[in-house]
Amino acid sequence: MMLKGEYQLPDSLETIHCGVQKQAKKVFKRNDKPYQKFSEHIGLIPLVMVAPADITIIIGGSEERRKFMDSVISQYDRLYLKKLVAYNNLLTKRNKLLKQKSQRDLLLIISEQMAVLANYIYDKRQDFTRQIIPIFQKYYKEISAGKEVVDIAYESQLNTANFMELATQSIEKDCILGHTSAGVHRDNLIFQLSGYPIRKEGSQ
């Protein structure tokens, strides 16, 4: 099955193809040229889609809300996407080293590399949260006729310590668990209704 879309941008007409076949890789092309990486497409044609499954942003786990943040920020900040991918790759390596009970020196090197990326991701997520809160509050006020007050809290372990401090403090725990227990991959957005988490208090 092949899907095709034409999009008029301010300075160009873009033709996007997406093909799907059984037991084969997806084919994704821009102007008849295959993408080398799917990440090259992100941010090219910003679209807003509303679907019933979006309720998972509220009632799902923290991973769903991180995906929400990351997908929005990546639309307008390609460097963010690049650093996020790099962080996740290093996270995978660090977790593998933890499972293998590798030397602490090697874990330290990986952690130092992750720290630079984590700080950038944290700052951008903070900026995103600050920008989206007034928009969220404005439209919810219109919907509820001002009867309820909503807010969003950005929950991160980096709110109280930098990544290297967290990595150092949790190294013993991480070695036992076999995975990295602290970092921006644990971040969360808390949607609040009149001061209470909507996930627990809100109606579906």
N, C-alpha and C. Protein backbone atom coordinates (compact mmCIF):
# COMPACT_ATOMS: atom_id res chain seq x y z
N MET A 1 0.84 -1.18 0.00
CA MET A 1 0.00 0.00 0.00
C MET A 1 0.88 1.24 0.00
N MET A 2 0.56 2.20 -0.86
CA MET A 2 1.34 3.42 -0.96
C MET A 2 0.45 4.64 -0.73
N LEU A 3 0.86 5.50 0.18
CA LEU A 3 0.15 6.75 0.43
C LEU A 3 0.98 7.91 -0.10
N LYS A 4 0.31 8.90 -0.66
CA LYS A 4 1.00 10.05 -1.23
C LYS A 4 0.31 11.33 -0.77
N GLY A 5 1.12 12.30 -0.41
CA GLY A 5 0.57 13.60 -0.01
C GLY A 5 1.39 14.72 -0.60
N GLU A 6 0.71 15.79 -1.02
CA GLU A 6 1.39 16.97 -1.53
C GLU A 6 1.12 18.14 -0.58
N TYR A 7 2.19 18.83 -0.19
CA TYR A 7 2.09 19.88 0.82
C TYR A 7 2.75 21.15 0.29
N GLN A 8 1.98 22.22 0.29
CA GLN A 8 2.50 23.50 -0.17
C GLN A 8 3.12 24.25 1.01
N LEU A 9 4.43 24.35 1.01
CA LEU A 9 5.14 25.11 2.02
C LEU A 9 5.39 26.52 1.47
N PRO A 10 5.81 27.45 2.31
CA PRO A 10 6.01 28.84 1.85
C PRO A 10 6.89 28.97 0.61
N ASP A 11 7.92 28.12 0.50
CA ASP A 11 8.85 28.28 -0.62
C ASP A 11 9.01 27.02 -1.47
N SER A 12 8.15 26.02 -1.27
CA SER A 12 8.29 24.80 -2.07
C SER A 12 7.03 23.93 -1.98
N LEU A 13 6.89 23.05 -2.97
CA LEU A 13 5.83 22.05 -2.96
C LEU A 13 6.48 20.71 -2.66
N GLU A 14 6.09 20.09 -1.57
CA GLU A 14 6.71 18.84 -1.14
C GLU A 14 5.78 17.67 -1.41
N THR A 15 6.32 16.62 -2.00
CA THR A 15 5.57 15.39 -2.24
C THR A 15 6.14 14.29 -1.36
N ILE A 16 5.29 13.74 -0.52
CA ILE A 16 5.72 12.72 0.44
C ILE A 16 5.04 11.39 0.11
N HIS A 17 5.83 10.34 0.04
CA HIS A 17 5.32 8.99 -0.19
C HIS A 17 5.61 8.12 1.03
N CYS A 18 4.65 7.30 1.38
CA CYS A 18 4.85 6.32 2.44
C CYS A 18 4.28 4.99 1.97
N GLY A 19 5.14 3.98 1.86
CA GLY A 19 4.70 2.68 1.39
C GLY A 19 4.87 1.61 2.46
N VAL A 20 3.89 0.73 2.56
CA VAL A 20 3.93 -0.34 3.55
C VAL A 20 3.63 -1.67 2.87
N GLN A 21 4.48 -2.65 3.11
CA GLN A 21 4.27 -3.99 2.57
C GLN A 21 4.48 -5.02 3.67
N LYS A 22 3.82 -6.15 3.54
CA LYS A 22 3.98 -7.21 4.53
C LYS A 22 5.41 -7.72 4.52
N GLN A 23 5.94 -7.91 5.72
CA GLN A 23 7.28 -8.47 5.91
C GLN A 23 8.35 -7.67 5.15
N ALA A 24 8.16 -6.36 5.11
CA ALA A 24 9.14 -5.49 4.44
C ALA A 24 9.19 -4.16 5.18
N LYS A 25 10.30 -3.47 5.00
CA LYS A 25 10.46 -2.17 5.64
C LYS A 25 9.54 -1.14 5.01
N LYS A 26 9.18 -0.15 5.80
CA LYS A 26 8.40 0.96 5.26
C LYS A 26 9.27 1.77 4.30
N VAL A 27 8.65 2.24 3.24
CA VAL A 27 9.34 3.09 2.27
C VAL A 27 8.84 4.51 2.47
N PHE A 28 9.75 5.41 2.80
CA PHE A 28 9.37 6.79 3.10
C PHE A 28 10.21 7.71 2.23
N LYS A 29 9.54 8.48 1.34
CA LYS A 29 10.28 9.31 0.39
C LYS A 29 9.81 10.76 0.43
N ARG A 30 10.75 11.63 0.14
CA ARG A 30 10.46 13.06 -0.03
C ARG A 30 10.88 13.45 -1.45
N ASN A 31 9.91 13.86 -2.25
CA ASN A 31 10.17 14.21 -3.65
C ASN A 31 10.90 13.09 -4.37
N ASP A 32 10.40 11.86 -4.18
CA ASP A 32 10.91 10.65 -4.82
C ASP A 32 12.29 10.21 -4.34
N LYS A 33 12.82 10.86 -3.31
CA LYS A 33 14.12 10.47 -2.76
C LYS A 33 13.91 9.85 -1.37
N PRO A 34 14.34 8.60 -1.19
CA PRO A 34 14.15 7.94 0.12
C PRO A 34 14.91 8.67 1.23
N TYR A 35 14.29 8.75 2.39
CA TYR A 35 14.98 9.30 3.55
C TYR A 35 16.03 8.31 4.02
N GLN A 36 17.18 8.83 4.41
CA GLN A 36 18.20 7.98 5.02
C GLN A 36 17.80 7.62 6.45
N LYS A 37 17.21 8.61 7.13
CA LYS A 37 16.71 8.42 8.49
C LYS A 37 15.34 9.07 8.59
N PHE A 38 14.43 8.41 9.30
CA PHE A 38 13.09 8.97 9.45
C PHE A 38 13.13 10.32 10.17
N SER A 39 14.12 10.51 11.05
CA SER A 39 14.22 11.76 11.81
C SER A 39 14.42 12.96 10.90
N GLU A 40 14.88 12.73 9.66
CA GLU A 40 15.07 13.83 8.71
C GLU A 40 13.74 14.49 8.34
N HIS A 41 12.66 13.73 8.47
CA HIS A 41 11.33 14.24 8.08
C HIS A 41 10.68 15.06 9.19
N ILE A 42 11.01 14.74 10.43
CA ILE A 42 10.35 15.38 11.57
C ILE A 42 10.59 16.88 11.55
N GLY A 43 9.51 17.64 11.63
CA GLY A 43 9.59 19.10 11.63
C GLY A 43 9.39 19.73 10.27
N LEU A 44 9.43 18.91 9.20
CA LEU A 44 9.26 19.46 7.85
C LEU A 44 7.85 19.98 7.62
N ILE A 45 6.86 19.18 8.01
CA ILE A 45 5.45 19.54 7.79
C ILE A 45 4.71 19.40 9.12
N PRO A 46 4.70 20.43 9.93
CA PRO A 46 4.02 20.35 11.23
C PRO A 46 2.51 20.18 11.05
N LEU A 47 1.96 19.16 11.65
CA LEU A 47 0.53 18.89 11.58
C LEU A 47 0.00 18.62 12.98
N VAL A 48 -1.27 18.93 13.18
CA VAL A 48 -1.93 18.64 14.45
C VAL A 48 -3.03 17.63 14.19
N MET A 49 -2.97 16.51 14.90
CA MET A 49 -3.98 15.47 14.75
C MET A 49 -4.57 15.15 16.11
N VAL A 50 -5.87 15.05 16.17
CA VAL A 50 -6.55 14.70 17.41
C VAL A 50 -7.21 13.34 17.21
N ALA A 51 -6.92 12.41 18.10
CA ALA A 51 -7.46 11.06 17.99
C ALA A 51 -7.90 10.57 19.37
N PRO A 52 -8.84 9.63 19.42
CA PRO A 52 -9.30 9.09 20.71
C PRO A 52 -8.16 8.56 21.57
N ALA A 53 -7.13 8.02 20.92
CA ALA A 53 -6.01 7.44 21.66
C ALA A 53 -5.20 8.50 22.42
N ASP A 54 -5.44 9.78 22.12
CA ASP A 54 -4.70 10.85 22.79
C ASP A 54 -4.98 10.89 24.29
N ILE A 55 -6.04 10.22 24.72
CA ILE A 55 -6.35 10.21 26.15
C ILE A 55 -5.23 9.54 26.96
N THR A 56 -4.40 8.74 26.27
CA THR A 56 -3.28 8.10 26.98
C THR A 56 -2.28 9.12 27.50
N ILE A 57 -2.28 10.32 26.92
CA ILE A 57 -1.41 11.38 27.43
C ILE A 57 -1.78 11.71 28.87
N ILE A 58 -3.06 11.57 29.18
CA ILE A 58 -3.55 11.87 30.53
C ILE A 58 -3.52 10.63 31.42
N ILE A 59 -4.11 9.53 30.94
CA ILE A 59 -4.29 8.36 31.81
C ILE A 59 -3.17 7.33 31.68
N GLY A 60 -2.32 7.49 30.67
CA GLY A 60 -1.23 6.53 30.48
C GLY A 60 -0.07 6.78 31.41
N GLY A 61 1.00 6.03 31.21
CA GLY A 61 2.18 6.18 32.04
C GLY A 61 3.01 7.39 31.63
N SER A 62 4.06 7.66 32.39
CA SER A 62 4.90 8.84 32.14
C SER A 62 5.56 8.79 30.76
N GLU A 63 5.78 7.59 30.24
CA GLU A 63 6.40 7.46 28.92
C GLU A 63 5.55 8.14 27.84
N GLU A 64 4.22 8.05 27.98
CA GLU A 64 3.33 8.68 27.01
C GLU A 64 3.48 10.20 27.02
N ARG A 65 3.66 10.77 28.20
CA ARG A 65 3.79 12.22 28.30
C ARG A 65 5.17 12.69 27.86
N ARG A 66 6.18 11.86 28.06
CA ARG A 66 7.51 12.21 27.53
C ARG A 66 7.47 12.19 26.00
N LYS A 67 6.79 11.20 25.45
CA LYS A 67 6.66 11.13 23.99
C LYS A 67 5.94 12.37 23.46
N PHE A 68 4.93 12.81 24.19
CA PHE A 68 4.19 14.01 23.80
C PHE A 68 5.11 15.22 23.77
N MET A 69 5.87 15.42 24.85
CA MET A 69 6.81 16.53 24.90
C MET A 69 7.83 16.44 23.77
N ASP A 70 8.41 15.26 23.62
CA ASP A 70 9.48 15.08 22.64
C ASP A 70 8.99 15.29 21.22
N SER A 71 7.78 14.81 20.92
CA SER A 71 7.26 14.94 19.56
C SER A 71 6.99 16.40 19.21
N VAL A 72 6.50 17.17 20.18
CA VAL A 72 6.21 18.58 19.92
C VAL A 72 7.51 19.38 19.79
N ILE A 73 8.41 19.21 20.74
CA ILE A 73 9.66 19.98 20.72
C ILE A 73 10.48 19.66 19.47
N SER A 74 10.48 18.39 19.08
CA SER A 74 11.26 17.97 17.91
C SER A 74 10.75 18.59 16.62
N GLN A 75 9.48 19.01 16.62
CA GLN A 75 8.91 19.64 15.43
C GLN A 75 9.58 20.98 15.12
N TYR A 76 9.98 21.69 16.17
CA TYR A 76 10.56 23.02 15.93
C TYR A 76 12.03 23.13 16.36
N ASP A 77 12.58 22.07 16.91
CA ASP A 77 13.98 22.10 17.35
C ASP A 77 14.67 20.80 16.93
N ARG A 78 15.31 20.82 15.77
CA ARG A 78 15.94 19.61 15.24
C ARG A 78 17.15 19.19 16.09
N LEU A 79 17.81 20.18 16.70
CA LEU A 79 18.94 19.85 17.55
C LEU A 79 18.48 19.06 18.77
N TYR A 80 17.29 19.40 19.27
CA TYR A 80 16.72 18.66 20.40
C TYR A 80 16.56 17.19 20.03
N LEU A 81 15.99 16.94 18.86
CA LEU A 81 15.79 15.56 18.42
C LEU A 81 17.12 14.83 18.31
N LYS A 82 18.12 15.50 17.77
CA LYS A 82 19.44 14.89 17.61
C LYS A 82 20.04 14.53 18.97
N LYS A 83 19.92 15.44 19.92
CA LYS A 83 20.47 15.19 21.25
C LYS A 83 19.66 14.13 22.00
N LEU A 84 18.36 14.10 21.77
CA LEU A 84 17.51 13.10 22.41
C LEU A 84 17.88 11.70 21.93
N VAL A 85 18.08 11.56 20.63
CA VAL A 85 18.48 10.27 20.06
C VAL A 85 19.84 9.84 20.62
N ALA A 86 20.76 10.80 20.70
CA ALA A 86 22.10 10.50 21.23
C ALA A 86 22.02 10.08 22.70
N TYR A 87 21.18 10.77 23.47
CA TYR A 87 21.01 10.42 24.89
C TYR A 87 20.47 9.00 25.04
N ASN A 88 19.45 8.68 24.26
CA ASN A 88 18.84 7.35 24.35
C ASN A 88 19.81 6.25 23.93
N ASN A 89 20.66 6.55 22.95
CA ASN A 89 21.67 5.57 22.54
C ASN A 89 22.68 5.32 23.66
N LEU A 90 23.10 6.40 24.31
CA LEU A 90 24.03 6.26 25.43
C LEU A 90 23.37 5.56 26.62
N LEU A 91 22.10 5.84 26.81
CA LEU A 91 21.35 5.18 27.89
C LEU A 91 21.32 3.67 27.68
N THR A 92 21.11 3.27 26.44
CA THR A 92 21.11 1.84 26.11
C THR A 92 22.48 1.22 26.40
N LYS A 93 23.54 1.94 26.03
CA LYS A 93 24.90 1.45 26.29
C LYS A 93 25.18 1.35 27.79
N ARG A 94 24.75 2.38 28.52
CA ARG A 94 24.99 2.38 29.98
C ARG A 94 24.25 1.22 30.65
N ASN A 95 23.02 1.00 30.24
CA ASN A 95 22.25 -0.11 30.82
C ASN A 95 22.90 -1.46 30.51
N LYS A 96 23.45 -1.58 29.31
CA LYS A 96 24.13 -2.81 28.93
C LYS A 96 25.36 -3.03 29.79
N LEU A 97 26.11 -1.95 30.03
CA LEU A 97 27.30 -2.03 30.87
C LEU A 97 26.93 -2.39 32.31
N LEU A 98 25.82 -1.85 32.79
CA LEU A 98 25.37 -2.15 34.15
C LEU A 98 25.01 -3.63 34.29
N LYS A 99 24.38 -4.17 33.28
CA LYS A 99 24.02 -5.59 33.31
C LYS A 99 25.26 -6.48 33.27
N GLN A 100 26.30 -5.98 32.59
CA GLN A 100 27.54 -6.75 32.46
C GLN A 100 28.48 -6.54 33.64
N LYS A 101 28.06 -5.69 34.59
CA LYS A 101 28.88 -5.37 35.76
C LYS A 101 30.25 -4.83 35.33
N SER A 102 30.23 -3.91 34.37
CA SER A 102 31.47 -3.36 33.82
C SER A 102 32.17 -2.44 34.81
N GLN A 103 33.39 -2.06 34.45
CA GLN A 103 34.19 -1.21 35.32
C GLN A 103 33.54 0.16 35.49
N ARG A 104 33.71 0.73 36.67
CA ARG A 104 33.11 2.02 36.99
C ARG A 104 33.67 3.14 36.10
N ASP A 105 34.94 3.02 35.71
CA ASP A 105 35.55 4.06 34.88
C ASP A 105 34.81 4.21 33.56
N LEU A 106 34.42 3.10 32.99
CA LEU A 106 33.70 3.12 31.72
C LEU A 106 32.30 3.71 31.91
N LEU A 107 31.67 3.37 33.00
CA LEU A 107 30.35 3.93 33.32
C LEU A 107 30.44 5.44 33.51
N LEU A 108 31.54 5.88 34.11
CA LEU A 108 31.74 7.31 34.35
C LEU A 108 31.85 8.07 33.03
N ILE A 109 32.57 7.51 32.08
CA ILE A 109 32.73 8.15 30.77
C ILE A 109 31.37 8.30 30.08
N ILE A 110 30.59 7.23 30.10
CA ILE A 110 29.26 7.27 29.49
C ILE A 110 28.37 8.29 30.19
N SER A 111 28.45 8.32 31.51
CA SER A 111 27.62 9.24 32.30
C SER A 111 27.97 10.69 32.00
N GLU A 112 29.25 10.98 31.83
CA GLU A 112 29.67 12.34 31.52
C GLU A 112 29.15 12.79 30.16
N GLN A 113 29.13 11.87 29.21
CA GLN A 113 28.59 12.18 27.89
C GLN A 113 27.08 12.41 27.97
N MET A 114 26.41 11.60 28.77
CA MET A 114 24.96 11.73 28.93
C MET A 114 24.59 13.03 29.63
N ALA A 115 25.45 13.48 30.54
CA ALA A 115 25.15 14.67 31.34
C ALA A 115 24.95 15.90 30.47
N VAL A 116 25.82 16.09 29.49
CA VAL A 116 25.72 17.25 28.60
C VAL A 116 24.39 17.23 27.84
N LEU A 117 24.02 16.06 27.35
CA LEU A 117 22.78 15.91 26.60
C LEU A 117 21.56 16.07 27.52
N ALA A 118 21.65 15.50 28.71
CA ALA A 118 20.54 15.56 29.66
C ALA A 118 20.22 17.00 30.05
N ASN A 119 21.26 17.80 30.25
CA ASN A 119 21.04 19.20 30.63
C ASN A 119 20.31 19.96 29.53
N TYR A 120 20.68 19.70 28.29
CA TYR A 120 20.03 20.37 27.15
C TYR A 120 18.56 19.94 27.07
N ILE A 121 18.32 18.64 27.16
CA ILE A 121 16.95 18.12 27.08
C ILE A 121 16.10 18.69 28.21
N TYR A 122 16.66 18.73 29.40
CA TYR A 122 15.95 19.25 30.57
C TYR A 122 15.57 20.72 30.37
N ASP A 123 16.51 21.52 29.91
CA ASP A 123 16.24 22.95 29.70
C ASP A 123 15.15 23.16 28.65
N LYS A 124 15.19 22.39 27.58
CA LYS A 124 14.20 22.54 26.51
C LYS A 124 12.82 22.09 26.97
N ARG A 125 12.77 21.05 27.78
CA ARG A 125 11.48 20.59 28.30
C ARG A 125 10.91 21.60 29.28
N GLN A 126 11.77 22.23 30.05
CA GLN A 126 11.32 23.30 30.95
C GLN A 126 10.72 24.45 30.15
N ASP A 127 11.42 24.86 29.10
CA ASP A 127 10.94 25.95 28.25
C ASP A 127 9.59 25.59 27.63
N PHE A 128 9.48 24.36 27.15
CA PHE A 128 8.24 23.90 26.54
C PHE A 128 7.08 23.98 27.53
N THR A 129 7.33 23.51 28.75
CA THR A 129 6.28 23.51 29.77
C THR A 129 5.83 24.93 30.09
N ARG A 130 6.80 25.84 30.22
CA ARG A 130 6.46 27.23 30.51
C ARG A 130 5.61 27.85 29.40
N GLN A 131 5.90 27.47 28.17
CA GLN A 131 5.16 28.04 27.04
C GLN A 131 3.77 27.45 26.88
N ILE A 132 3.63 26.16 27.18
CA ILE A 132 2.34 25.50 26.93
C ILE A 132 1.33 25.74 28.05
N ILE A 133 1.79 26.02 29.26
CA ILE A 133 0.87 26.20 30.39
C ILE A 133 -0.18 27.29 30.12
N PRO A 134 0.21 28.52 29.74
CA PRO A 134 -0.82 29.54 29.51
C PRO A 134 -1.77 29.20 28.36
N ILE A 135 -1.28 28.48 27.36
CA ILE A 135 -2.14 28.07 26.24
C ILE A 135 -3.16 27.04 26.73
N PHE A 136 -2.67 26.07 27.49
CA PHE A 136 -3.52 25.04 28.07
C PHE A 136 -4.59 25.66 28.96
N GLN A 137 -4.18 26.60 29.80
CA GLN A 137 -5.11 27.24 30.73
C GLN A 137 -6.15 28.10 29.99
N LYS A 138 -5.71 28.78 28.95
CA LYS A 138 -6.61 29.64 28.20
C LYS A 138 -7.76 28.85 27.58
N TYR A 139 -7.42 27.78 26.87
CA TYR A 139 -8.46 27.02 26.17
C TYR A 139 -9.31 26.19 27.12
N TYR A 140 -8.72 25.73 28.20
CA TYR A 140 -9.53 24.98 29.17
C TYR A 140 -10.52 25.91 29.86
N LYS A 141 -10.10 27.15 30.09
CA LYS A 141 -10.99 28.13 30.72
C LYS A 141 -12.20 28.39 29.83
N GLU A 142 -11.97 28.44 28.52
CA GLU A 142 -13.08 28.65 27.58
C GLU A 142 -14.03 27.46 27.58
N ILE A 143 -13.46 26.25 27.62
CA ILE A 143 -14.28 25.04 27.60
C ILE A 143 -15.10 24.89 28.88
N SER A 144 -14.48 25.19 30.02
CA SER A 144 -15.15 24.99 31.31
C SER A 144 -15.89 26.23 31.80
N ALA A 145 -15.88 27.29 30.98
CA ALA A 145 -16.51 28.56 31.38
C ALA A 145 -15.91 29.10 32.67
N GLY A 146 -14.63 28.82 32.87
CA GLY A 146 -13.92 29.35 34.03
C GLY A 146 -14.27 28.70 35.35
N LYS A 147 -14.95 27.55 35.30
CA LYS A 147 -15.38 26.90 36.55
C LYS A 147 -14.27 26.07 37.19
N GLU A 148 -13.26 25.73 36.40
CA GLU A 148 -12.17 24.91 36.92
C GLU A 148 -10.83 25.51 36.52
N VAL A 149 -9.82 25.23 37.32
CA VAL A 149 -8.47 25.74 37.06
C VAL A 149 -7.54 24.56 36.79
N VAL A 150 -6.80 24.64 35.70
CA VAL A 150 -5.87 23.56 35.36
C VAL A 150 -4.43 24.08 35.37
N ASP A 151 -3.51 23.16 35.48
CA ASP A 151 -2.09 23.52 35.48
C ASP A 151 -1.29 22.31 35.02
N ILE A 152 -0.02 22.55 34.72
CA ILE A 152 0.89 21.47 34.34
C ILE A 152 2.17 21.63 35.14
N ALA A 153 2.63 20.56 35.74
CA ALA A 153 3.90 20.56 36.47
C ALA A 153 4.89 19.65 35.76
N TYR A 154 6.08 20.17 35.53
CA TYR A 154 7.14 19.36 34.92
C TYR A 154 7.92 18.69 36.04
N GLU A 155 7.81 17.38 36.10
CA GLU A 155 8.45 16.60 37.16
C GLU A 155 9.73 15.96 36.62
N SER A 156 10.84 16.31 37.21
CA SER A 156 12.13 15.78 36.77
C SER A 156 13.08 15.66 37.95
N GLN A 157 13.87 14.61 37.93
CA GLN A 157 14.89 14.46 38.97
C GLN A 157 15.94 15.56 38.86
N LEU A 158 16.05 16.15 37.68
CA LEU A 158 17.01 17.24 37.48
C LEU A 158 16.51 18.56 38.07
N ASN A 159 15.31 18.56 38.63
CA ASN A 159 14.82 19.75 39.32
C ASN A 159 15.63 20.03 40.58
N THR A 160 16.22 18.97 41.14
CA THR A 160 16.93 19.12 42.41
C THR A 160 18.42 18.81 42.34
N ALA A 161 18.86 18.20 41.23
CA ALA A 161 20.29 17.85 41.10
C ALA A 161 20.63 17.69 39.63
N ASN A 162 21.90 17.93 39.28
CA ASN A 162 22.28 17.73 37.89
C ASN A 162 22.51 16.23 37.62
N PHE A 163 22.66 15.90 36.35
CA PHE A 163 22.71 14.48 35.98
C PHE A 163 23.88 13.75 36.62
N MET A 164 25.06 14.37 36.65
CA MET A 164 26.23 13.69 37.22
C MET A 164 26.05 13.42 38.70
N GLU A 165 25.42 14.34 39.41
CA GLU A 165 25.13 14.11 40.83
C GLU A 165 24.19 12.93 40.99
N LEU A 166 23.17 12.88 40.14
CA LEU A 166 22.21 11.78 40.20
C LEU A 166 22.87 10.45 39.87
N ALA A 167 23.72 10.46 38.82
CA ALA A 167 24.39 9.23 38.40
C ALA A 167 25.33 8.72 39.48
N THR A 168 26.02 9.64 40.16
CA THR A 168 26.95 9.27 41.22
C THR A 168 26.20 8.71 42.43
N GLN A 169 25.10 9.37 42.78
CA GLN A 169 24.32 8.95 43.94
C GLN A 169 23.65 7.59 43.74
N SER A 170 23.31 7.29 42.49
CA SER A 170 22.53 6.07 42.23
C SER A 170 23.36 4.92 41.66
N ILE A 171 24.68 5.07 41.60
CA ILE A 171 25.51 4.06 40.94
C ILE A 171 25.38 2.68 41.59
N GLU A 172 25.36 2.62 42.91
CA GLU A 172 25.24 1.33 43.58
C GLU A 172 23.89 0.69 43.28
N LYS A 173 22.85 1.50 43.34
CA LYS A 173 21.50 1.03 43.05
C LYS A 173 21.40 0.56 41.61
N ASP A 174 21.99 1.33 40.69
CA ASP A 174 21.94 0.99 39.27
C ASP A 174 22.63 -0.34 38.99
N CYS A 175 23.75 -0.57 39.65
CA CYS A 175 24.50 -1.82 39.46
C CYS A 175 23.67 -3.02 39.91
N ILE A 176 22.90 -2.83 40.96
CA ILE A 176 22.06 -3.91 41.46
C ILE A 176 20.87 -4.15 40.53
N LEU A 177 20.25 -3.04 40.09
CA LEU A 177 19.07 -3.13 39.23
C LEU A 177 19.42 -3.54 37.80
N GLY A 178 20.61 -3.13 37.36
CA GLY A 178 21.00 -3.42 35.99
C GLY A 178 20.45 -2.43 34.98
N HIS A 179 20.03 -1.27 35.46
CA HIS A 179 19.58 -0.21 34.56
C HIS A 179 19.74 1.15 35.24
N THR A 180 19.65 2.20 34.44
CA THR A 180 19.85 3.57 34.93
C THR A 180 18.56 4.09 35.55
N SER A 181 18.60 4.36 36.83
CA SER A 181 17.38 4.73 37.56
C SER A 181 17.13 6.23 37.64
N ALA A 182 18.09 7.04 37.20
CA ALA A 182 17.93 8.49 37.29
C ALA A 182 18.31 9.16 35.98
N GLY A 183 17.57 10.20 35.62
CA GLY A 183 17.86 10.93 34.39
C GLY A 183 16.60 11.47 33.75
N VAL A 184 16.75 12.14 32.63
CA VAL A 184 15.59 12.75 31.96
C VAL A 184 14.66 11.71 31.34
N HIS A 185 15.13 10.47 31.22
CA HIS A 185 14.27 9.40 30.71
C HIS A 185 13.23 8.98 31.74
N ARG A 186 13.28 9.62 32.92
CA ARG A 186 12.29 9.36 33.97
C ARG A 186 11.35 10.56 34.16
N ASP A 187 11.49 11.58 33.34
CA ASP A 187 10.69 12.80 33.47
C ASP A 187 9.19 12.52 33.30
N ASN A 188 8.40 13.47 33.78
CA ASN A 188 6.95 13.31 33.68
C ASN A 188 6.29 14.69 33.62
N LEU A 189 5.12 14.74 33.02
CA LEU A 189 4.26 15.92 33.08
C LEU A 189 3.06 15.57 33.93
N ILE A 190 2.75 16.41 34.90
CA ILE A 190 1.60 16.18 35.77
C ILE A 190 0.52 17.20 35.40
N PHE A 191 -0.55 16.72 34.78
CA PHE A 191 -1.69 17.58 34.46
C PHE A 191 -2.57 17.68 35.71
N GLN A 192 -2.86 18.91 36.12
CA GLN A 192 -3.58 19.11 37.37
C GLN A 192 -4.91 19.82 37.15
N LEU A 193 -5.90 19.41 37.92
CA LEU A 193 -7.22 20.02 37.92
C LEU A 193 -7.53 20.49 39.33
N SER A 194 -7.60 21.80 39.50
CA SER A 194 -7.83 22.39 40.83
C SER A 194 -6.82 21.87 41.85
N GLY A 195 -5.58 21.71 41.41
CA GLY A 195 -4.51 21.30 42.31
C GLY A 195 -4.33 19.81 42.47
N TYR A 196 -5.18 19.00 41.82
CA TYR A 196 -5.09 17.55 41.93
C TYR A 196 -4.74 16.94 40.58
N PRO A 197 -4.00 15.82 40.57
CA PRO A 197 -3.65 15.17 39.30
C PRO A 197 -4.89 14.74 38.53
N ILE A 198 -5.01 15.19 37.28
CA ILE A 198 -6.17 14.82 36.46
C ILE A 198 -6.21 13.32 36.24
N ARG A 199 -5.05 12.70 36.17
CA ARG A 199 -4.98 11.25 35.94
C ARG A 199 -5.77 10.48 36.99
N LYS A 200 -5.76 10.99 38.23
CA LYS A 200 -6.45 10.31 39.33
C LYS A 200 -7.85 10.86 39.57
N GLU A 201 -8.01 12.17 39.39
CA GLU A 201 -9.26 12.82 39.75
C GLU A 201 -10.20 13.08 38.58
N GLY A 202 -9.64 13.14 37.36
CA GLY A 202 -10.45 13.51 36.20
C GLY A 202 -11.37 12.40 35.73
N SER A 203 -12.39 12.81 34.99
CA SER A 203 -13.34 11.85 34.41
C SER A 203 -12.98 11.58 32.96
N GLN A 204 -13.13 10.33 32.53
CA GLN A 204 -12.88 9.97 31.14
C GLN A 204 -14.13 10.16 30.30
